[in-house]
Amino acid sequence: MQIRVIESESWNWYRVGEIFTVRDAHKYGDIGVQVHKNSKGVSPDVVQHGHYEFV
């Protein structure tokens, strides 16, 4: 499962247009979805609800 970032605040580590593979859609369900930060699959982080769409 993948997401595309559709909104971002200046303090977020992600930017509009980036695509990430979802690592765990439920672990941080109250905040957003956990994703891999890069193509090597390391450094998981969270993209906030409302800032992404599924692709």
PDB file of N, CA and C in Angstrom:
ATOM      1  N   MET A   1       0.850  -1.160   0.000  1.00  0.00           N
ATOM      2  CA  MET A   1       0.000   0.000   0.000  1.00  0.00           C
ATOM      3  C   MET A   1       0.906   1.236   0.000  1.00  0.00           C
ATOM      4  N   GLN A   2       0.522   2.231  -0.793  1.00  0.00           N
ATOM      5  CA  GLN A   2       1.301   3.464  -0.863  1.00  0.00           C
ATOM      6  C   GLN A   2       0.396   4.677  -0.685  1.00  0.00           C
ATOM      7  N   ILE A   3       1.023   5.774  -0.249  1.00  0.00           N
ATOM      8  CA  ILE A   3       0.324   7.047  -0.129  1.00  0.00           C
ATOM      9  C   ILE A   3       1.080   8.122  -0.900  1.00  0.00           C
ATOM     10  N   ARG A   4       0.349   9.149  -1.293  1.00  0.00           N
ATOM     11  CA  ARG A   4       0.936  10.351  -1.892  1.00  0.00           C
ATOM     12  C   ARG A   4       0.594  11.509  -0.968  1.00  0.00           C
ATOM     13  N   VAL A   5       1.580  12.325  -0.651  1.00  0.00           N
ATOM     14  CA  VAL A   5       1.369  13.485   0.221  1.00  0.00           C
ATOM     15  C   VAL A   5       0.638  14.566  -0.577  1.00  0.00           C
ATOM     16  N   ILE A   6      -0.481  15.055  -0.032  1.00  0.00           N
ATOM     17  CA  ILE A   6      -1.274  16.079  -0.713  1.00  0.00           C
ATOM     18  C   ILE A   6      -1.294  17.407   0.040  1.00  0.00           C
ATOM     19  N   GLU A   7      -0.759  17.408   1.253  1.00  0.00           N
ATOM     20  CA  GLU A   7      -0.699  18.621   2.070  1.00  0.00           C
ATOM     21  C   GLU A   7       0.461  18.489   3.038  1.00  0.00           C
ATOM     22  N   SER A   8       1.105  19.616   3.360  1.00  0.00           N
ATOM     23  CA  SER A   8       2.241  19.586   4.273  1.00  0.00           C
ATOM     24  C   SER A   8       2.395  20.935   4.952  1.00  0.00           C
ATOM     25  N   GLU A   9       2.736  20.911   6.212  1.00  0.00           N
ATOM     26  CA  GLU A   9       3.036  22.137   6.961  1.00  0.00           C
ATOM     27  C   GLU A   9       4.548  22.360   6.917  1.00  0.00           C
ATOM     28  N   SER A  10       4.993  23.552   7.209  1.00  0.00           N
ATOM     29  CA  SER A  10       6.422  23.880   7.120  1.00  0.00           C
ATOM     30  C   SER A  10       7.275  23.034   8.059  1.00  0.00           C
ATOM     31  N   TRP A  11       6.703  22.581   9.182  1.00  0.00           N
ATOM     32  CA  TRP A  11       7.469  21.792  10.156  1.00  0.00           C
ATOM     33  C   TRP A  11       7.463  20.290   9.868  1.00  0.00           C
ATOM     34  N   ASN A  12       6.647  19.826   8.905  1.00  0.00           N
ATOM     35  CA  ASN A  12       6.612  18.402   8.575  1.00  0.00           C
ATOM     36  C   ASN A  12       7.866  17.998   7.827  1.00  0.00           C
ATOM     37  N   TRP A  13       8.295  16.767   8.002  1.00  0.00           N
ATOM     38  CA  TRP A  13       9.487  16.264   7.317  1.00  0.00           C
ATOM     39  C   TRP A  13       9.176  15.859   5.882  1.00  0.00           C
ATOM     40  N   TYR A  14       7.913  15.686   5.534  1.00  0.00           N
ATOM     41  CA  TYR A  14       7.510  15.285   4.184  1.00  0.00           C
ATOM     42  C   TYR A  14       6.995  16.484   3.398  1.00  0.00           C
ATOM     43  N   ARG A  15       6.983  16.343   2.070  1.00  0.00           N
ATOM     44  CA  ARG A  15       6.567  17.427   1.187  1.00  0.00           C
ATOM     45  C   ARG A  15       5.493  16.944   0.220  1.00  0.00           C
ATOM     46  N   VAL A  16       4.664  17.872  -0.245  1.00  0.00           N
ATOM     47  CA  VAL A  16       3.593  17.559  -1.195  1.00  0.00           C
ATOM     48  C   VAL A  16       4.169  16.887  -2.435  1.00  0.00           C
ATOM     49  N   GLY A  17       3.503  15.819  -2.868  1.00  0.00           N
ATOM     50  CA  GLY A  17       3.912  15.094  -4.064  1.00  0.00           C
ATOM     51  C   GLY A  17       4.743  13.855  -3.807  1.00  0.00           C
ATOM     52  N   GLU A  18       5.336  13.746  -2.621  1.00  0.00           N
ATOM     53  CA  GLU A  18       6.139  12.565  -2.309  1.00  0.00           C
ATOM     54  C   GLU A  18       5.232  11.346  -2.157  1.00  0.00           C
ATOM     55  N   ILE A  19       5.765  10.185  -2.545  1.00  0.00           N
ATOM     56  CA  ILE A  19       5.043   8.921  -2.418  1.00  0.00           C
ATOM     57  C   ILE A  19       5.833   8.013  -1.495  1.00  0.00           C
ATOM     58  N   PHE A  20       5.123   7.392  -0.544  1.00  0.00           N
ATOM     59  CA  PHE A  20       5.755   6.511   0.434  1.00  0.00           C
ATOM     60  C   PHE A  20       5.009   5.190   0.514  1.00  0.00           C
ATOM     61  N   THR A  21       5.748   4.136   0.837  1.00  0.00           N
ATOM     62  CA  THR A  21       5.153   2.840   1.123  1.00  0.00           C
ATOM     63  C   THR A  21       4.734   2.826   2.586  1.00  0.00           C
ATOM     64  N   VAL A  22       3.505   2.433   2.835  1.00  0.00           N
ATOM     65  CA  VAL A  22       2.991   2.372   4.205  1.00  0.00           C
ATOM     66  C   VAL A  22       3.613   1.180   4.912  1.00  0.00           C
ATOM     67  N   ARG A  23       4.184   1.427   6.058  1.00  0.00           N
ATOM     68  CA  ARG A  23       4.778   0.358   6.860  1.00  0.00           C
ATOM     69  C   ARG A  23       3.733  -0.266   7.774  1.00  0.00           C
ATOM     70  N   ASP A  24       2.956   0.575   8.441  1.00  0.00           N
ATOM     71  CA  ASP A  24       1.924   0.092   9.361  1.00  0.00           C
ATOM     72  C   ASP A  24       0.801   1.125   9.394  1.00  0.00           C
ATOM     73  N   ALA A  25      -0.347   0.759   8.861  1.00  0.00           N
ATOM     74  CA  ALA A  25      -1.475   1.691   8.776  1.00  0.00           C
ATOM     75  C   ALA A  25      -2.210   1.836  10.104  1.00  0.00           C
ATOM     76  N   HIS A  26      -1.927   0.965  11.094  1.00  0.00           N
ATOM     77  CA  HIS A  26      -2.688   0.957  12.332  1.00  0.00           C
ATOM     78  C   HIS A  26      -1.896   1.361  13.574  1.00  0.00           C
ATOM     79  N   LYS A  27      -0.582   1.231  13.538  1.00  0.00           N
ATOM     80  CA  LYS A  27       0.235   1.477  14.736  1.00  0.00           C
ATOM     81  C   LYS A  27       0.026   2.884  15.304  1.00  0.00           C
ATOM     82  N   TYR A  28      -0.043   3.884  14.427  1.00  0.00           N
ATOM     83  CA  TYR A  28      -0.269   5.264  14.860  1.00  0.00           C
ATOM     84  C   TYR A  28      -1.596   5.771  14.305  1.00  0.00           C
ATOM     85  N   GLY A  29      -2.617   4.925  14.346  1.00  0.00           N
ATOM     86  CA  GLY A  29      -3.908   5.218  13.755  1.00  0.00           C
ATOM     87  C   GLY A  29      -4.560   6.498  14.230  1.00  0.00           C
ATOM     88  N   ASP A  30      -4.246   6.941  15.457  1.00  0.00           N
ATOM     89  CA  ASP A  30      -4.834   8.185  15.950  1.00  0.00           C
ATOM     90  C   ASP A  30      -4.111   9.418  15.413  1.00  0.00           C
ATOM     91  N   ILE A  31      -2.919   9.247  14.840  1.00  0.00           N
ATOM     92  CA  ILE A  31      -2.133  10.362  14.305  1.00  0.00           C
ATOM     93  C   ILE A  31      -2.132  10.344  12.775  1.00  0.00           C
ATOM     94  N   GLY A  32      -1.907   9.177  12.204  1.00  0.00           N
ATOM     95  CA  GLY A  32      -1.783   9.034  10.755  1.00  0.00           C
ATOM     96  C   GLY A  32      -1.323   7.639  10.407  1.00  0.00           C
ATOM     97  N   VAL A  33      -0.470   7.513   9.397  1.00  0.00           N
ATOM     98  CA  VAL A  33       0.064   6.203   9.013  1.00  0.00           C
ATOM     99  C   VAL A  33       1.582   6.208   9.099  1.00  0.00           C
ATOM    100  N   GLN A  34       2.139   5.082   9.498  1.00  0.00           N
ATOM    101  CA  GLN A  34       3.586   4.940   9.567  1.00  0.00           C
ATOM    102  C   GLN A  34       4.101   4.543   8.185  1.00  0.00           C
ATOM    103  N   VAL A  35       5.145   5.223   7.723  1.00  0.00           N
ATOM    104  CA  VAL A  35       5.709   4.967   6.401  1.00  0.00           C
ATOM    105  C   VAL A  35       7.218   4.807   6.481  1.00  0.00           C
ATOM    106  N   HIS A  36       7.793   4.273   5.401  1.00  0.00           N
ATOM    107  CA  HIS A  36       9.244   4.255   5.246  1.00  0.00           C
ATOM    108  C   HIS A  36       9.655   5.603   4.676  1.00  0.00           C
ATOM    109  N   LYS A  37      10.659   6.241   5.264  1.00  0.00           N
ATOM    110  CA  LYS A  37      11.096   7.553   4.801  1.00  0.00           C
ATOM    111  C   LYS A  37      11.846   7.510   3.482  1.00  0.00           C
ATOM    112  N   ASN A  38      12.459   6.373   3.145  1.00  0.00           N
ATOM    113  CA  ASN A  38      13.215   6.332   1.896  1.00  0.00           C
ATOM    114  C   ASN A  38      13.091   4.982   1.220  1.00  0.00           C
ATOM    115  N   SER A  39      13.625   4.888   0.028  1.00  0.00           N
ATOM    116  CA  SER A  39      13.471   3.680  -0.783  1.00  0.00           C
ATOM    117  C   SER A  39      14.185   2.464  -0.199  1.00  0.00           C
ATOM    118  N   LYS A  40      15.093   2.660   0.744  1.00  0.00           N
ATOM    119  CA  LYS A  40      15.799   1.537   1.368  1.00  0.00           C
ATOM    120  C   LYS A  40      14.986   0.902   2.489  1.00  0.00           C
ATOM    121  N   GLY A  41      13.849   1.523   2.820  1.00  0.00           N
ATOM    122  CA  GLY A  41      12.972   0.940   3.829  1.00  0.00           C
ATOM    123  C   GLY A  41      13.419   1.147   5.248  1.00  0.00           C
ATOM    124  N   VAL A  42      14.207   2.181   5.491  1.00  0.00           N
ATOM    125  CA  VAL A  42      14.655   2.461   6.856  1.00  0.00           C
ATOM    126  C   VAL A  42      14.047   3.768   7.356  1.00  0.00           C
ATOM    127  N   SER A  43      14.229   4.025   8.633  1.00  0.00           N
ATOM    128  CA  SER A  43      13.771   5.254   9.272  1.00  0.00           C
ATOM    129  C   SER A  43      12.269   5.476   9.130  1.00  0.00           C
ATOM    130  N   PRO A  44      11.451   4.630   9.736  1.00  0.00           N
ATOM    131  CA  PRO A  44      10.008   4.849   9.651  1.00  0.00           C
ATOM    132  C   PRO A  44       9.598   6.128  10.364  1.00  0.00           C
ATOM    133  N   ASP A  45       8.577   6.758   9.870  1.00  0.00           N
ATOM    134  CA  ASP A  45       8.018   7.948  10.493  1.00  0.00           C
ATOM    135  C   ASP A  45       6.533   7.998  10.159  1.00  0.00           C
ATOM    136  N   VAL A  46       5.838   9.041  10.595  1.00  0.00           N
ATOM    137  CA  VAL A  46       4.391   9.122  10.444  1.00  0.00           C
ATOM    138  C   VAL A  46       3.992  10.309   9.570  1.00  0.00           C
ATOM    139  N   VAL A  47       3.044  10.075   8.660  1.00  0.00           N
ATOM    140  CA  VAL A  47       2.412  11.131   7.878  1.00  0.00           C
ATOM    141  C   VAL A  47       1.024  11.342   8.479  1.00  0.00           C
ATOM    142  N   GLN A  48       0.698  12.590   8.810  1.00  0.00           N
ATOM    143  CA  GLN A  48      -0.546  12.927   9.487  1.00  0.00           C
ATOM    144  C   GLN A  48      -1.785  12.636   8.651  1.00  0.00           C
ATOM    145  N   HIS A  49      -2.898  12.324   9.345  1.00  0.00           N
ATOM    146  CA  HIS A  49      -4.197  12.209   8.686  1.00  0.00           C
ATOM    147  C   HIS A  49      -4.498  13.507   7.956  1.00  0.00           C
ATOM    148  N   GLY A  50      -5.119  13.413   6.799  1.00  0.00           N
ATOM    149  CA  GLY A  50      -5.491  14.582   6.025  1.00  0.00           C
ATOM    150  C   GLY A  50      -4.392  15.117   5.143  1.00  0.00           C
ATOM    151  N   HIS A  51      -3.173  14.596   5.323  1.00  0.00           N
ATOM    152  CA  HIS A  51      -2.041  15.046   4.511  1.00  0.00           C
ATOM    153  C   HIS A  51      -1.706  14.069   3.398  1.00  0.00           C
ATOM    154  N   TYR A  52      -2.484  13.009   3.244  1.00  0.00           N
ATOM    155  CA  TYR A  52      -2.163  12.003   2.236  1.00  0.00           C
ATOM    156  C   TYR A  52      -3.420  11.405   1.618  1.00  0.00           C
ATOM    157  N   GLU A  53      -3.198  10.761   0.464  1.00  0.00           N
ATOM    158  CA  GLU A  53      -4.244   9.966  -0.177  1.00  0.00           C
ATOM    159  C   GLU A  53      -3.610   8.639  -0.574  1.00  0.00           C
ATOM    160  N   PHE A  54      -4.399   7.587  -0.605  1.00  0.00           N
ATOM    161  CA  PHE A  54      -3.890   6.281  -1.025  1.00  0.00           C
ATOM    162  C   PHE A  54      -3.774   6.245  -2.541  1.00  0.00           C
ATOM    163  N   VAL A  55      -2.704   5.632  -3.038  1.00  0.00           N
ATOM    164  CA  VAL A  55      -2.506   5.489  -4.492  1.00  0.00           C
ATOM    165  C   VAL A  55      -2.394   4.031  -4.861  1.00  0.00           C
TER     166      VAL A  55
END
